[in-house]
Amino acid sequence: MVTAKLHGVELVRGQKWTVRVTAYGTTLIFPFEAEQYARSYADGQAFRLGVEVVELKDCA
């Protein structure tokens, strides 16, 4: 049985910084030019949802 991930925040490092926010099973993607803004946004969303930020490196 697969359970849906209700909440999560992922910070993806690639050409641009991307924050993926999953709230109540819906995922939204937010691109950022600057690392500082991406980290700040990810931290705020993680605090709001009560989760930890997962940092990933874009492999594509």
PDB file of N, CA and C in Angstrom:
ATOM      1  N   MET A   1       0.845  -1.184   0.000  1.00  0.00           N
ATOM      2  CA  MET A   1       0.000   0.000   0.000  1.00  0.00           C
ATOM      3  C   MET A   1       0.886   1.242   0.000  1.00  0.00           C
ATOM      4  N   VAL A   2       0.610   2.166  -0.916  1.00  0.00           N
ATOM      5  CA  VAL A   2       1.379   3.405  -1.023  1.00  0.00           C
ATOM      6  C   VAL A   2       0.583   4.512  -0.368  1.00  0.00           C
ATOM      7  N   THR A   3       1.233   5.236   0.525  1.00  0.00           N
ATOM      8  CA  THR A   3       0.558   6.358   1.173  1.00  0.00           C
ATOM      9  C   THR A   3       1.022   7.654   0.542  1.00  0.00           C
ATOM     10  N   ALA A   4       0.115   8.576   0.352  1.00  0.00           N
ATOM     11  CA  ALA A   4       0.433   9.871  -0.255  1.00  0.00           C
ATOM     12  C   ALA A   4       1.179  10.737   0.753  1.00  0.00           C
ATOM     13  N   LYS A   5       2.140  11.480   0.250  1.00  0.00           N
ATOM     14  CA  LYS A   5       2.894  12.401   1.086  1.00  0.00           C
ATOM     15  C   LYS A   5       2.066  13.681   1.227  1.00  0.00           C
ATOM     16  N   LEU A   6       1.573  13.947   2.434  1.00  0.00           N
ATOM     17  CA  LEU A   6       0.707  15.103   2.638  1.00  0.00           C
ATOM     18  C   LEU A   6       1.481  16.418   2.674  1.00  0.00           C
ATOM     19  N   HIS A   7       2.626  16.435   3.359  1.00  0.00           N
ATOM     20  CA  HIS A   7       3.392  17.672   3.498  1.00  0.00           C
ATOM     21  C   HIS A   7       4.869  17.407   3.243  1.00  0.00           C
ATOM     22  N   GLY A   8       5.522  18.350   2.617  1.00  0.00           N
ATOM     23  CA  GLY A   8       6.956  18.230   2.398  1.00  0.00           C
ATOM     24  C   GLY A   8       7.498  19.477   1.715  1.00  0.00           C
ATOM     25  N   VAL A   9       8.771  19.750   1.951  1.00  0.00           N
ATOM     26  CA  VAL A   9       9.450  20.874   1.304  1.00  0.00           C
ATOM     27  C   VAL A   9      10.790  20.372   0.801  1.00  0.00           C
ATOM     28  N   GLU A  10      11.034  20.550  -0.506  1.00  0.00           N
ATOM     29  CA  GLU A  10      12.284  20.125  -1.122  1.00  0.00           C
ATOM     30  C   GLU A  10      12.973  21.331  -1.758  1.00  0.00           C
ATOM     31  N   LEU A  11      14.252  21.452  -1.510  1.00  0.00           N
ATOM     32  CA  LEU A  11      15.079  22.498  -2.105  1.00  0.00           C
ATOM     33  C   LEU A  11      15.968  21.818  -3.134  1.00  0.00           C
ATOM     34  N   VAL A  12      15.792  22.158  -4.411  1.00  0.00           N
ATOM     35  CA  VAL A  12      16.508  21.484  -5.494  1.00  0.00           C
ATOM     36  C   VAL A  12      17.548  22.439  -6.079  1.00  0.00           C
ATOM     37  N   ARG A  13      18.813  21.964  -6.071  1.00  0.00           N
ATOM     38  CA  ARG A  13      19.912  22.752  -6.651  1.00  0.00           C
ATOM     39  C   ARG A  13      20.116  22.326  -8.092  1.00  0.00           C
ATOM     40  N   GLY A  14      20.046  23.265  -8.998  1.00  0.00           N
ATOM     41  CA  GLY A  14      20.286  23.006 -10.409  1.00  0.00           C
ATOM     42  C   GLY A  14      20.813  24.282 -11.021  1.00  0.00           C
ATOM     43  N   GLN A  15      20.483  24.542 -12.295  1.00  0.00           N
ATOM     44  CA  GLN A  15      20.868  25.817 -12.906  1.00  0.00           C
ATOM     45  C   GLN A  15      20.215  26.958 -12.142  1.00  0.00           C
ATOM     46  N   LYS A  16      18.963  26.745 -11.773  1.00  0.00           N
ATOM     47  CA  LYS A  16      18.246  27.672 -10.901  1.00  0.00           C
ATOM     48  C   LYS A  16      17.896  26.913  -9.630  1.00  0.00           C
ATOM     49  N   TRP A  17      17.589  27.630  -8.607  1.00  0.00           N
ATOM     50  CA  TRP A  17      17.138  27.019  -7.359  1.00  0.00           C
ATOM     51  C   TRP A  17      15.630  26.853  -7.435  1.00  0.00           C
ATOM     52  N   THR A  18      15.149  25.695  -7.028  1.00  0.00           N
ATOM     53  CA  THR A  18      13.722  25.406  -7.075  1.00  0.00           C
ATOM     54  C   THR A  18      13.276  24.898  -5.708  1.00  0.00           C
ATOM     55  N   VAL A  19      12.124  25.389  -5.272  1.00  0.00           N
ATOM     56  CA  VAL A  19      11.518  24.905  -4.028  1.00  0.00           C
ATOM     57  C   VAL A  19      10.223  24.210  -4.406  1.00  0.00           C
ATOM     58  N   ARG A  20      10.105  22.928  -4.015  1.00  0.00           N
ATOM     59  CA  ARG A  20       8.869  22.169  -4.222  1.00  0.00           C
ATOM     60  C   ARG A  20       8.164  22.040  -2.882  1.00  0.00           C
ATOM     61  N   VAL A  21       6.965  22.572  -2.824  1.00  0.00           N
ATOM     62  CA  VAL A  21       6.179  22.534  -1.583  1.00  0.00           C
ATOM     63  C   VAL A  21       4.978  21.627  -1.804  1.00  0.00           C
ATOM     64  N   THR A  22       4.869  20.588  -0.974  1.00  0.00           N
ATOM     65  CA  THR A  22       3.715  19.692  -1.014  1.00  0.00           C
ATOM     66  C   THR A  22       2.903  19.945   0.242  1.00  0.00           C
ATOM     67  N   ALA A  23       1.665  20.391   0.045  1.00  0.00           N
ATOM     68  CA  ALA A  23       0.768  20.664   1.168  1.00  0.00           C
ATOM     69  C   ALA A  23      -0.562  19.980   0.882  1.00  0.00           C
ATOM     70  N   TYR A  24      -0.986  19.125   1.780  1.00  0.00           N
ATOM     71  CA  TYR A  24      -2.248  18.391   1.660  1.00  0.00           C
ATOM     72  C   TYR A  24      -2.314  17.614   0.352  1.00  0.00           C
ATOM     73  N   GLY A  25      -1.162  17.059  -0.074  1.00  0.00           N
ATOM     74  CA  GLY A  25      -1.107  16.221  -1.258  1.00  0.00           C
ATOM     75  C   GLY A  25      -0.944  16.951  -2.581  1.00  0.00           C
ATOM     76  N   THR A  26      -0.940  18.289  -2.569  1.00  0.00           N
ATOM     77  CA  THR A  26      -0.783  19.075  -3.783  1.00  0.00           C
ATOM     78  C   THR A  26       0.606  19.692  -3.804  1.00  0.00           C
ATOM     79  N   THR A  27       1.339  19.526  -4.916  1.00  0.00           N
ATOM     80  CA  THR A  27       2.697  20.037  -5.018  1.00  0.00           C
ATOM     81  C   THR A  27       2.740  21.266  -5.913  1.00  0.00           C
ATOM     82  N   LEU A  28       3.391  22.311  -5.426  1.00  0.00           N
ATOM     83  CA  LEU A  28       3.626  23.533  -6.191  1.00  0.00           C
ATOM     84  C   LEU A  28       5.126  23.743  -6.296  1.00  0.00           C
ATOM     85  N   ILE A  29       5.576  24.282  -7.436  1.00  0.00           N
ATOM     86  CA  ILE A  29       7.001  24.485  -7.689  1.00  0.00           C
ATOM     87  C   ILE A  29       7.267  25.981  -7.831  1.00  0.00           C
ATOM     88  N   PHE A  30       8.305  26.453  -7.113  1.00  0.00           N
ATOM     89  CA  PHE A  30       8.671  27.860  -7.123  1.00  0.00           C
ATOM     90  C   PHE A  30      10.136  28.010  -7.523  1.00  0.00           C
ATOM     91  N   PRO A  31      10.428  28.608  -8.692  1.00  0.00           N
ATOM     92  CA  PRO A  31      11.823  28.805  -9.117  1.00  0.00           C
ATOM     93  C   PRO A  31      12.394  30.100  -8.534  1.00  0.00           C
ATOM     94  N   PHE A  32      13.684  30.075  -8.210  1.00  0.00           N
ATOM     95  CA  PHE A  32      14.379  31.241  -7.678  1.00  0.00           C
ATOM     96  C   PHE A  32      15.716  31.396  -8.382  1.00  0.00           C
ATOM     97  N   GLU A  33      16.142  32.627  -8.608  1.00  0.00           N
ATOM     98  CA  GLU A  33      17.453  32.898  -9.197  1.00  0.00           C
ATOM     99  C   GLU A  33      18.544  32.814  -8.129  1.00  0.00           C
ATOM    100  N   ALA A  34      18.234  33.284  -6.925  1.00  0.00           N
ATOM    101  CA  ALA A  34      19.235  33.383  -5.860  1.00  0.00           C
ATOM    102  C   ALA A  34      19.024  32.308  -4.792  1.00  0.00           C
ATOM    103  N   GLU A  35      20.120  31.707  -4.362  1.00  0.00           N
ATOM    104  CA  GLU A  35      20.073  30.670  -3.334  1.00  0.00           C
ATOM    105  C   GLU A  35      19.476  31.191  -2.036  1.00  0.00           C
ATOM    106  N   GLN A  36      19.862  32.386  -1.632  1.00  0.00           N
ATOM    107  CA  GLN A  36      19.409  32.961  -0.366  1.00  0.00           C
ATOM    108  C   GLN A  36      17.880  33.055  -0.314  1.00  0.00           C
ATOM    109  N   TYR A  37      17.257  33.501  -1.393  1.00  0.00           N
ATOM    110  CA  TYR A  37      15.794  33.627  -1.418  1.00  0.00           C
ATOM    111  C   TYR A  37      15.122  32.252  -1.401  1.00  0.00           C
ATOM    112  N   ALA A  38      15.704  31.306  -2.130  1.00  0.00           N
ATOM    113  CA  ALA A  38      15.142  29.958  -2.159  1.00  0.00           C
ATOM    114  C   ALA A  38      15.199  29.313  -0.778  1.00  0.00           C
ATOM    115  N   ARG A  39      16.346  29.424  -0.112  1.00  0.00           N
ATOM    116  CA  ARG A  39      16.478  28.846   1.234  1.00  0.00           C
ATOM    117  C   ARG A  39      15.520  29.499   2.225  1.00  0.00           C
ATOM    118  N   SER A  40      15.396  30.814   2.142  1.00  0.00           N
ATOM    119  CA  SER A  40      14.502  31.534   3.045  1.00  0.00           C
ATOM    120  C   SER A  40      13.048  31.097   2.841  1.00  0.00           C
ATOM    121  N   TYR A  41      12.632  30.991   1.585  1.00  0.00           N
ATOM    122  CA  TYR A  41      11.265  30.564   1.286  1.00  0.00           C
ATOM    123  C   TYR A  41      11.023  29.128   1.754  1.00  0.00           C
ATOM    124  N   ALA A  42      11.990  28.255   1.468  1.00  0.00           N
ATOM    125  CA  ALA A  42      11.859  26.852   1.876  1.00  0.00           C
ATOM    126  C   ALA A  42      11.765  26.731   3.398  1.00  0.00           C
ATOM    127  N   ASP A  43      12.591  27.476   4.112  1.00  0.00           N
ATOM    128  CA  ASP A  43      12.557  27.435   5.576  1.00  0.00           C
ATOM    129  C   ASP A  43      11.214  27.904   6.116  1.00  0.00           C
ATOM    130  N   GLY A  44      10.667  28.960   5.533  1.00  0.00           N
ATOM    131  CA  GLY A  44       9.371  29.478   5.967  1.00  0.00           C
ATOM    132  C   GLY A  44       8.246  28.484   5.726  1.00  0.00           C
ATOM    133  N   GLN A  45       8.263  27.846   4.562  1.00  0.00           N
ATOM    134  CA  GLN A  45       7.224  26.862   4.248  1.00  0.00           C
ATOM    135  C   GLN A  45       7.351  25.625   5.131  1.00  0.00           C
ATOM    136  N   ALA A  46       8.582  25.198   5.383  1.00  0.00           N
ATOM    137  CA  ALA A  46       8.799  24.041   6.260  1.00  0.00           C
ATOM    138  C   ALA A  46       8.297  24.335   7.667  1.00  0.00           C
ATOM    139  N   PHE A  47       8.552  25.531   8.152  1.00  0.00           N
ATOM    140  CA  PHE A  47       8.064  25.927   9.478  1.00  0.00           C
ATOM    141  C   PHE A  47       6.533  25.919   9.506  1.00  0.00           C
ATOM    142  N   ARG A  48       5.918  26.463   8.458  1.00  0.00           N
ATOM    143  CA  ARG A  48       4.455  26.531   8.370  1.00  0.00           C
ATOM    144  C   ARG A  48       3.832  25.134   8.374  1.00  0.00           C
ATOM    145  N   LEU A  49       4.476  24.189   7.668  1.00  0.00           N
ATOM    146  CA  LEU A  49       3.921  22.839   7.546  1.00  0.00           C
ATOM    147  C   LEU A  49       4.413  21.882   8.636  1.00  0.00           C
ATOM    148  N   GLY A  50       5.402  22.308   9.403  1.00  0.00           N
ATOM    149  CA  GLY A  50       5.914  21.456  10.477  1.00  0.00           C
ATOM    150  C   GLY A  50       6.757  20.297   9.980  1.00  0.00           C
ATOM    151  N   VAL A  51       7.556  20.522   8.927  1.00  0.00           N
ATOM    152  CA  VAL A  51       8.412  19.481   8.359  1.00  0.00           C
ATOM    153  C   VAL A  51       9.837  20.013   8.219  1.00  0.00           C
ATOM    154  N   GLU A  52      10.754  19.127   7.855  1.00  0.00           N
ATOM    155  CA  GLU A  52      12.140  19.502   7.582  1.00  0.00           C
ATOM    156  C   GLU A  52      12.315  19.735   6.082  1.00  0.00           C
ATOM    157  N   VAL A  53      13.245  20.611   5.729  1.00  0.00           N
ATOM    158  CA  VAL A  53      13.577  20.843   4.324  1.00  0.00           C
ATOM    159  C   VAL A  53      14.494  19.710   3.858  1.00  0.00           C
ATOM    160  N   VAL A  54      14.161  19.109   2.725  1.00  0.00           N
ATOM    161  CA  VAL A  54      14.999  18.075   2.105  1.00  0.00           C
ATOM    162  C   VAL A  54      15.738  18.747   0.960  1.00  0.00           C
ATOM    163  N   GLU A  55      17.063  18.669   0.976  1.00  0.00           N
ATOM    164  CA  GLU A  55      17.862  19.303  -0.063  1.00  0.00           C
ATOM    165  C   GLU A  55      18.292  18.253  -1.093  1.00  0.00           C
ATOM    166  N   LEU A  56      18.016  18.531  -2.359  1.00  0.00           N
ATOM    167  CA  LEU A  56      18.316  17.620  -3.448  1.00  0.00           C
ATOM    168  C   LEU A  56      19.174  18.318  -4.493  1.00  0.00           C
ATOM    169  N   LYS A  57      19.920  17.534  -5.276  1.00  0.00           N
ATOM    170  CA  LYS A  57      20.683  18.077  -6.382  1.00  0.00           C
ATOM    171  C   LYS A  57      20.040  17.594  -7.663  1.00  0.00           C
ATOM    172  N   ASP A  58      19.750  18.526  -8.562  1.00  0.00           N
ATOM    173  CA  ASP A  58      19.130  18.196  -9.848  1.00  0.00           C
ATOM    174  C   ASP A  58      20.119  17.414 -10.689  1.00  0.00           C
ATOM    175  N   CYS A  59      19.757  16.225 -11.096  1.00  0.00           N
ATOM    176  CA  CYS A  59      20.664  15.353 -11.862  1.00  0.00           C
ATOM    177  C   CYS A  59      20.434  15.440 -13.354  1.00  0.00           C
ATOM    178  N   ALA A  60      19.440  16.182 -13.793  1.00  0.00           N
ATOM    179  CA  ALA A  60      19.125  16.230 -15.222  1.00  0.00           C
ATOM    180  C   ALA A  60      19.937  17.255 -15.950  1.00  0.00           C
TER     181      ALA A  60
END
